[in-house]
Amino acid sequence: MLELRRLRLLAEFARRGSIAATAAALGYTPSAVSQQLSALEREARVPLLDRTARSAELTDAGRRLAERAEEILGLVETAEAELSAHSDTPMGRVVVTAFPTAAVAFAPALAQSLGEHPGLTFVLRQTRPGDGIRQVQNGEVDIALIDDWTGKVPDQSPAALEFFHLRRDPLVLVVPSTHPMSDPARPVDLQRLREEPWMAAPPGEPSRQAAERLLDTVGGARPVPWEFEGLHTILSLVARGIGITVVPALALAAGDRGVAVRRIPECTLAREVYAVTRAASVRRPSVAVTLRAIYAAARDTQPARPEG
């Protein structure tokens, strides 16, 4: 009999391509992954991996079983969802992962809404950019809140996942409340702000890339910003009058005193915010009620309204 937990490891190995990457993705040690895959080979009674001293790759039998593993795991989850659907009462544990600004913005509303279901245990974790979809796909979490700056993520993702659009999150200018540009009667002129001390996330972060695209439209040499981890760290520094920044509006949902938020003229840069879950999970009452709570939180959360 093939063990489901080991089949999940094999499916993840097929996606990742190495034992080390599989271990990192699932939070195991490489030796533990190797041992479990060896145990699966004994259960299957055929070699599933072609191992060398430095690498391992799937054999033909391993590839076929990995494909079947995805189907088997999906069928098991569908069966579990169908059984859960017979009960209208949300029960059990639901794990949601979210990018940091969504976690901070939506957590109060989610805690209040889901607290009305005593049989439900709600877990909210923060995750790094790009990890949410993988975590949903491999079953680590039930729902992921993700941001998409490209407009392509839903179309490029596996068909087994279902995307629920929550909101559009535009880029806004944030300056200290004592800054001349804090006056809403004063037009925003990015050209005049080029010499200001800018602050941004490290290179490669989606918000940093959006800021760079915006500043490239101004012309001339792009300002070189100071770099800080975390948008809330950056906003706290702006509030102290240390510099200025552009961030997605949702980053201001927690309320940052000491700053002014301005709409950026003719700026179309924004991210789309989605909730993602496995299609088979949607019928589970616990997942369904959590999705409804997330949708309501996204609808009702109001970041600081930018001035014109």
Protein backbone atom coordinates (compact mmCIF):
# COMPACT_ATOMS: atom_id res chain seq x y z
CA MET A 1 0.00 0.00 0.00
CA LEU A 2 1.40 3.40 -1.02
CA GLU A 3 1.45 5.92 1.81
CA LEU A 4 -0.19 9.28 1.02
CA ARG A 5 2.38 11.37 2.86
CA ARG A 6 5.16 9.82 0.78
CA LEU A 7 3.20 10.33 -2.42
CA ARG A 8 2.97 14.02 -1.54
CA LEU A 9 6.76 14.09 -1.15
CA LEU A 10 7.20 12.48 -4.54
CA ALA A 11 4.86 14.99 -6.19
CA GLU A 12 6.79 17.84 -4.59
CA PHE A 13 10.09 16.33 -5.74
CA ALA A 14 8.72 16.22 -9.30
CA ARG A 15 7.94 19.95 -9.06
CA ARG A 16 11.22 20.95 -7.37
CA GLY A 17 13.71 18.69 -9.14
CA SER A 18 16.01 18.00 -6.20
CA ILE A 19 15.92 16.52 -2.72
CA ALA A 20 17.36 19.72 -1.19
CA ALA A 21 14.70 21.91 -2.81
CA THR A 22 11.95 19.51 -1.78
CA ALA A 23 13.20 19.52 1.81
CA ALA A 24 13.37 23.33 1.88
CA ALA A 25 9.85 23.64 0.47
CA LEU A 26 8.28 21.26 2.98
CA GLY A 27 10.38 22.09 6.02
CA TYR A 28 12.16 18.73 6.28
CA THR A 29 15.83 17.82 6.30
CA PRO A 30 17.23 16.43 3.03
CA SER A 31 18.05 13.15 4.76
CA ALA A 32 14.44 12.79 5.94
CA VAL A 33 13.13 13.38 2.41
CA SER A 34 15.62 10.87 1.00
CA GLN A 35 14.61 8.26 3.56
CA GLN A 36 10.90 8.71 2.90
CA LEU A 37 11.39 8.45 -0.87
CA SER A 38 13.43 5.28 -0.35
CA ALA A 39 10.57 3.89 1.74
CA LEU A 40 8.15 4.75 -1.08
CA GLU A 41 10.38 2.84 -3.53
CA ARG A 42 10.15 -0.21 -1.28
CA GLU A 43 6.38 0.13 -1.18
CA ALA A 44 6.20 0.52 -4.97
CA ARG A 45 8.76 -2.27 -5.53
CA VAL A 46 10.36 -0.36 -8.41
CA PRO A 47 13.13 2.30 -8.53
CA LEU A 48 11.56 5.75 -8.54
CA LEU A 49 14.75 7.84 -8.40
CA ASP A 50 18.00 7.52 -10.29
CA ARG A 51 20.55 8.60 -7.69
CA THR A 52 24.14 9.70 -8.14
CA ALA A 53 26.60 11.02 -5.56
CA ARG A 54 25.47 14.61 -6.15
CA SER A 55 21.96 14.46 -7.58
CA ALA A 56 18.78 12.48 -8.08
CA GLU A 57 16.19 12.46 -10.82
CA LEU A 58 12.97 10.58 -11.46
CA THR A 59 13.01 7.34 -13.39
CA ASP A 60 10.27 6.71 -15.95
CA ALA A 61 8.34 4.83 -13.27
CA GLY A 62 8.91 7.71 -10.86
CA ARG A 63 7.50 10.23 -13.33
CA ARG A 64 4.42 8.10 -13.93
CA LEU A 65 3.81 7.68 -10.22
CA ALA A 66 4.34 11.40 -9.57
CA GLU A 67 1.64 12.18 -12.13
CA ARG A 68 -0.70 9.67 -10.50
CA ALA A 69 0.19 11.07 -7.07
CA GLU A 70 -1.20 14.47 -8.05
CA GLU A 71 -4.43 12.79 -9.16
CA ILE A 72 -4.65 10.62 -6.04
CA LEU A 73 -4.07 13.53 -3.66
CA GLY A 74 -6.70 15.59 -5.47
CA LEU A 75 -9.23 12.74 -5.24
CA VAL A 76 -8.56 12.31 -1.53
CA GLU A 77 -9.12 16.00 -0.90
CA THR A 78 -12.30 15.95 -3.00
CA ALA A 79 -13.60 13.03 -0.96
CA GLU A 80 -12.79 14.81 2.29
CA ALA A 81 -14.53 17.96 1.05
CA GLU A 82 -17.64 16.00 0.06
CA LEU A 83 -17.82 14.41 3.49
CA SER A 84 -17.35 17.79 5.19
CA ALA A 85 -20.05 19.33 3.01
CA HIS A 86 -22.67 17.16 4.72
CA SER A 87 -22.15 19.28 7.81
CA ASP A 88 -23.11 22.95 7.59
CA THR A 89 -21.06 23.74 10.70
CA PRO A 90 -17.50 25.00 10.01
CA MET A 91 -15.18 22.87 12.08
CA GLY A 92 -11.50 22.01 12.25
CA ARG A 93 -8.33 23.91 11.44
CA VAL A 94 -7.98 26.34 8.55
CA VAL A 95 -4.51 27.67 7.74
CA VAL A 96 -4.21 30.90 5.73
CA THR A 97 -0.95 32.41 4.55
CA ALA A 98 -0.69 36.01 3.40
CA PHE A 99 1.81 38.57 2.19
CA PRO A 100 2.66 40.91 5.12
CA THR A 101 0.51 43.95 4.30
CA ALA A 102 -2.58 41.78 3.75
CA ALA A 103 -1.96 39.91 7.00
CA VAL A 104 -1.75 43.18 8.96
CA ALA A 105 -4.69 44.81 7.14
CA PHE A 106 -7.16 41.91 7.27
CA ALA A 107 -6.28 40.21 10.58
CA PRO A 108 -8.59 42.30 12.85
CA ALA A 109 -11.69 41.74 10.69
CA LEU A 110 -10.90 38.04 10.21
CA ALA A 111 -10.41 37.45 13.93
CA GLN A 112 -13.71 39.12 14.72
CA SER A 113 -15.70 37.37 11.97
CA LEU A 114 -14.30 33.86 12.39
CA GLY A 115 -14.51 34.12 16.17
CA GLU A 116 -18.25 33.52 15.75
CA HIS A 117 -17.52 29.87 14.83
CA PRO A 118 -16.42 28.09 18.02
CA GLY A 119 -15.62 24.84 16.22
CA LEU A 120 -13.18 26.55 13.86
CA THR A 121 -9.48 26.98 14.57
CA PHE A 122 -8.03 29.79 12.45
CA VAL A 123 -4.30 30.13 11.74
CA LEU A 124 -2.88 33.15 9.86
CA ARG A 125 0.77 33.14 8.79
CA GLN A 126 2.89 35.57 6.82
CA THR A 127 4.80 34.32 3.81
CA ARG A 128 7.43 35.48 1.38
CA PRO A 129 6.48 36.68 -2.13
CA GLY A 130 5.86 33.77 -4.47
CA ASP A 131 5.47 31.11 -1.77
CA GLY A 132 1.71 31.27 -1.26
CA ILE A 133 0.64 29.45 -4.41
CA ARG A 134 3.17 26.68 -3.84
CA GLN A 135 2.00 26.24 -0.25
CA VAL A 136 -1.61 25.88 -1.36
CA GLN A 137 -0.67 23.50 -4.16
CA ASN A 138 1.30 21.13 -1.96
CA GLY A 139 -1.27 21.20 0.85
CA GLU A 140 0.74 23.12 3.45
CA VAL A 141 -2.04 25.70 3.76
CA ASP A 142 -5.71 25.90 2.82
CA ILE A 143 -5.82 29.46 1.48
CA ALA A 144 -3.17 31.93 0.36
CA LEU A 145 -3.56 35.68 -0.01
CA ILE A 146 -1.28 36.73 -2.85
CA ASP A 147 -0.49 39.92 -4.73
CA ASP A 148 0.03 40.05 -8.49
CA TRP A 149 1.77 43.00 -10.16
CA THR A 150 1.82 41.35 -13.60
CA GLY A 151 -1.85 40.56 -14.20
CA LYS A 152 -0.81 37.08 -15.36
CA VAL A 153 -0.60 34.91 -12.24
CA PRO A 154 -4.09 33.34 -12.37
CA ASP A 155 -3.69 32.39 -16.04
CA GLN A 156 -0.26 30.87 -15.46
CA SER A 157 -1.22 28.77 -12.42
CA PRO A 158 -2.36 25.12 -12.24
CA ALA A 159 -5.98 24.42 -13.12
CA ALA A 160 -6.47 22.70 -9.75
CA LEU A 161 -6.29 26.10 -8.05
CA GLU A 162 -9.14 28.59 -7.81
CA PHE A 163 -8.55 32.35 -7.62
CA PHE A 164 -10.90 34.85 -5.96
CA HIS A 165 -10.22 38.50 -6.77
CA LEU A 166 -10.34 40.66 -3.64
CA ARG A 167 -9.28 44.16 -4.64
CA ARG A 168 -7.03 46.38 -6.74
CA ASP A 169 -4.28 48.07 -4.71
CA PRO A 170 -2.80 51.19 -6.36
CA LEU A 171 0.61 52.71 -5.78
CA VAL A 172 0.46 55.96 -3.76
CA LEU A 173 2.95 58.63 -2.72
CA VAL A 174 3.62 58.94 1.02
CA VAL A 175 5.36 62.00 2.49
CA PRO A 176 5.77 63.36 6.04
CA SER A 177 2.79 65.37 7.23
CA THR A 178 5.11 68.41 7.46
CA HIS A 179 6.31 68.07 3.87
CA PRO A 180 5.22 70.77 1.37
CA MET A 181 3.72 68.06 -0.85
CA SER A 182 1.39 67.06 2.00
CA ASP A 183 -0.85 69.98 1.02
CA PRO A 184 -3.62 68.49 -1.18
CA ALA A 185 -3.94 71.80 -3.00
CA ARG A 186 -0.39 71.39 -4.28
CA PRO A 187 -0.08 69.25 -7.44
CA VAL A 188 2.14 66.17 -7.14
CA ASP A 189 5.25 66.71 -9.24
CA LEU A 190 7.56 63.68 -9.23
CA GLN A 191 10.16 65.61 -11.22
CA ARG A 192 10.60 68.04 -8.33
CA LEU A 193 10.78 65.16 -5.86
CA ARG A 194 13.69 63.41 -7.57
CA GLU A 195 16.25 65.01 -5.27
CA GLU A 196 14.35 64.08 -2.12
CA PRO A 197 15.61 61.20 0.09
CA TRP A 198 13.68 58.20 -1.21
CA MET A 199 13.19 54.97 0.70
CA ALA A 200 12.24 51.60 -0.75
CA ALA A 201 12.27 47.86 -0.21
CA PRO A 202 15.38 45.90 -1.31
CA PRO A 203 15.97 45.17 -5.03
CA GLY A 204 13.83 42.36 -6.37
CA GLU A 205 10.89 43.06 -4.07
CA PRO A 206 7.70 43.67 -6.12
CA SER A 207 7.02 47.04 -4.48
CA ARG A 208 10.60 48.14 -5.27
CA GLN A 209 10.21 47.10 -8.91
CA ALA A 210 6.95 49.08 -9.14
CA ALA A 211 8.61 52.14 -7.62
CA GLU A 212 11.46 51.89 -10.11
CA ARG A 213 9.04 51.67 -13.04
CA LEU A 214 7.29 54.77 -11.76
CA LEU A 215 10.50 56.76 -11.30
CA ASP A 216 11.72 55.71 -14.76
CA THR A 217 8.78 57.63 -16.23
CA VAL A 218 10.02 60.87 -14.67
CA GLY A 219 13.11 61.05 -16.84
CA GLY A 220 16.71 61.71 -15.91
CA ALA A 221 18.71 59.63 -13.47
CA ARG A 222 16.59 57.45 -11.23
CA PRO A 223 16.95 58.36 -7.51
CA VAL A 224 18.93 55.79 -5.52
CA PRO A 225 16.80 55.02 -2.48
CA TRP A 226 17.80 53.93 0.97
CA GLU A 227 16.76 50.30 1.43
CA PHE A 228 14.76 48.87 4.33
CA GLU A 229 13.06 45.53 4.91
CA GLY A 230 9.31 45.84 5.40
CA LEU A 231 6.91 48.49 4.17
CA HIS A 232 5.80 49.29 7.71
CA THR A 233 9.41 50.08 8.65
CA ILE A 234 9.61 52.43 5.69
CA LEU A 235 6.34 54.15 6.62
CA SER A 236 7.51 54.68 10.20
CA LEU A 237 10.62 56.41 8.89
CA VAL A 238 8.55 58.62 6.60
CA ALA A 239 6.40 59.58 9.60
CA ARG A 240 9.59 60.74 11.34
CA GLY A 241 10.42 63.03 8.45
CA ILE A 242 13.42 61.03 7.24
CA GLY A 243 12.33 60.60 3.62
CA ILE A 244 9.51 59.87 1.17
CA THR A 245 8.28 56.72 -0.56
CA VAL A 246 5.72 55.12 -2.84
CA VAL A 247 3.89 52.03 -1.57
CA PRO A 248 0.70 50.09 -2.30
CA ALA A 249 -2.20 51.78 -0.53
CA LEU A 250 -3.03 48.66 1.50
CA ALA A 251 0.23 49.11 3.42
CA LEU A 252 -1.43 52.08 5.12
CA ALA A 253 -4.46 50.14 6.38
CA ALA A 254 -3.04 49.88 9.90
CA GLY A 255 -3.01 53.67 10.09
CA ASP A 256 0.29 55.51 10.11
CA ARG A 257 0.19 58.87 11.84
CA GLY A 258 2.51 61.60 10.76
CA VAL A 259 2.23 60.93 7.02
CA ALA A 260 0.25 62.35 4.12
CA VAL A 261 -0.93 60.14 1.28
CA ARG A 262 -1.18 61.55 -2.24
CA ARG A 263 -2.60 60.11 -5.43
CA ILE A 264 0.00 59.96 -8.23
CA PRO A 265 -1.28 61.62 -11.41
CA GLU A 266 -1.59 59.33 -14.46
CA CYS A 267 -0.10 56.41 -12.54
CA THR A 268 -1.67 53.07 -13.45
CA LEU A 269 0.73 50.93 -11.40
CA ALA A 270 -1.20 48.68 -9.04
CA ARG A 271 -1.30 45.13 -7.78
CA GLU A 272 -4.25 42.77 -7.79
CA VAL A 273 -4.98 40.93 -4.54
CA TYR A 274 -6.35 37.38 -4.65
CA ALA A 275 -7.35 34.58 -2.33
CA VAL A 276 -6.18 31.23 -3.72
CA THR A 277 -7.30 27.77 -2.69
CA ARG A 278 -7.48 24.30 -4.14
CA ALA A 279 -10.71 23.91 -6.11
CA ALA A 280 -11.50 20.73 -4.19
CA SER A 281 -11.35 22.63 -0.88
CA VAL A 282 -14.02 25.21 -1.68
CA ARG A 283 -16.84 22.85 -0.68
CA ARG A 284 -15.47 22.41 2.85
CA PRO A 285 -17.63 24.55 5.18
CA SER A 286 -14.55 25.69 7.12
CA VAL A 287 -12.81 26.90 3.95
CA ALA A 288 -15.99 28.42 2.50
CA VAL A 289 -16.73 30.48 5.62
CA THR A 290 -13.09 31.63 5.77
CA LEU A 291 -13.19 32.73 2.11
CA ARG A 292 -16.34 34.74 2.82
CA ALA A 293 -14.67 36.38 5.81
CA ILE A 294 -11.59 37.23 3.72
CA TYR A 295 -13.74 38.75 0.97
CA ALA A 296 -15.61 40.89 3.52
CA ALA A 297 -12.35 41.98 5.17
CA ALA A 298 -10.88 43.01 1.80
CA ARG A 299 -14.07 44.89 0.90
CA ASP A 300 -14.38 46.73 4.21
CA THR A 301 -10.73 47.52 4.94
CA GLN A 302 -10.14 51.14 4.05
CA PRO A 303 -6.52 52.34 3.75
CA ALA A 304 -5.82 56.02 4.14
CA ARG A 305 -7.62 57.73 1.27
CA PRO A 306 -5.08 59.52 -0.96
CA GLU A 307 -5.59 63.19 -1.66
CA GLY A 308 -5.67 64.39 -5.24
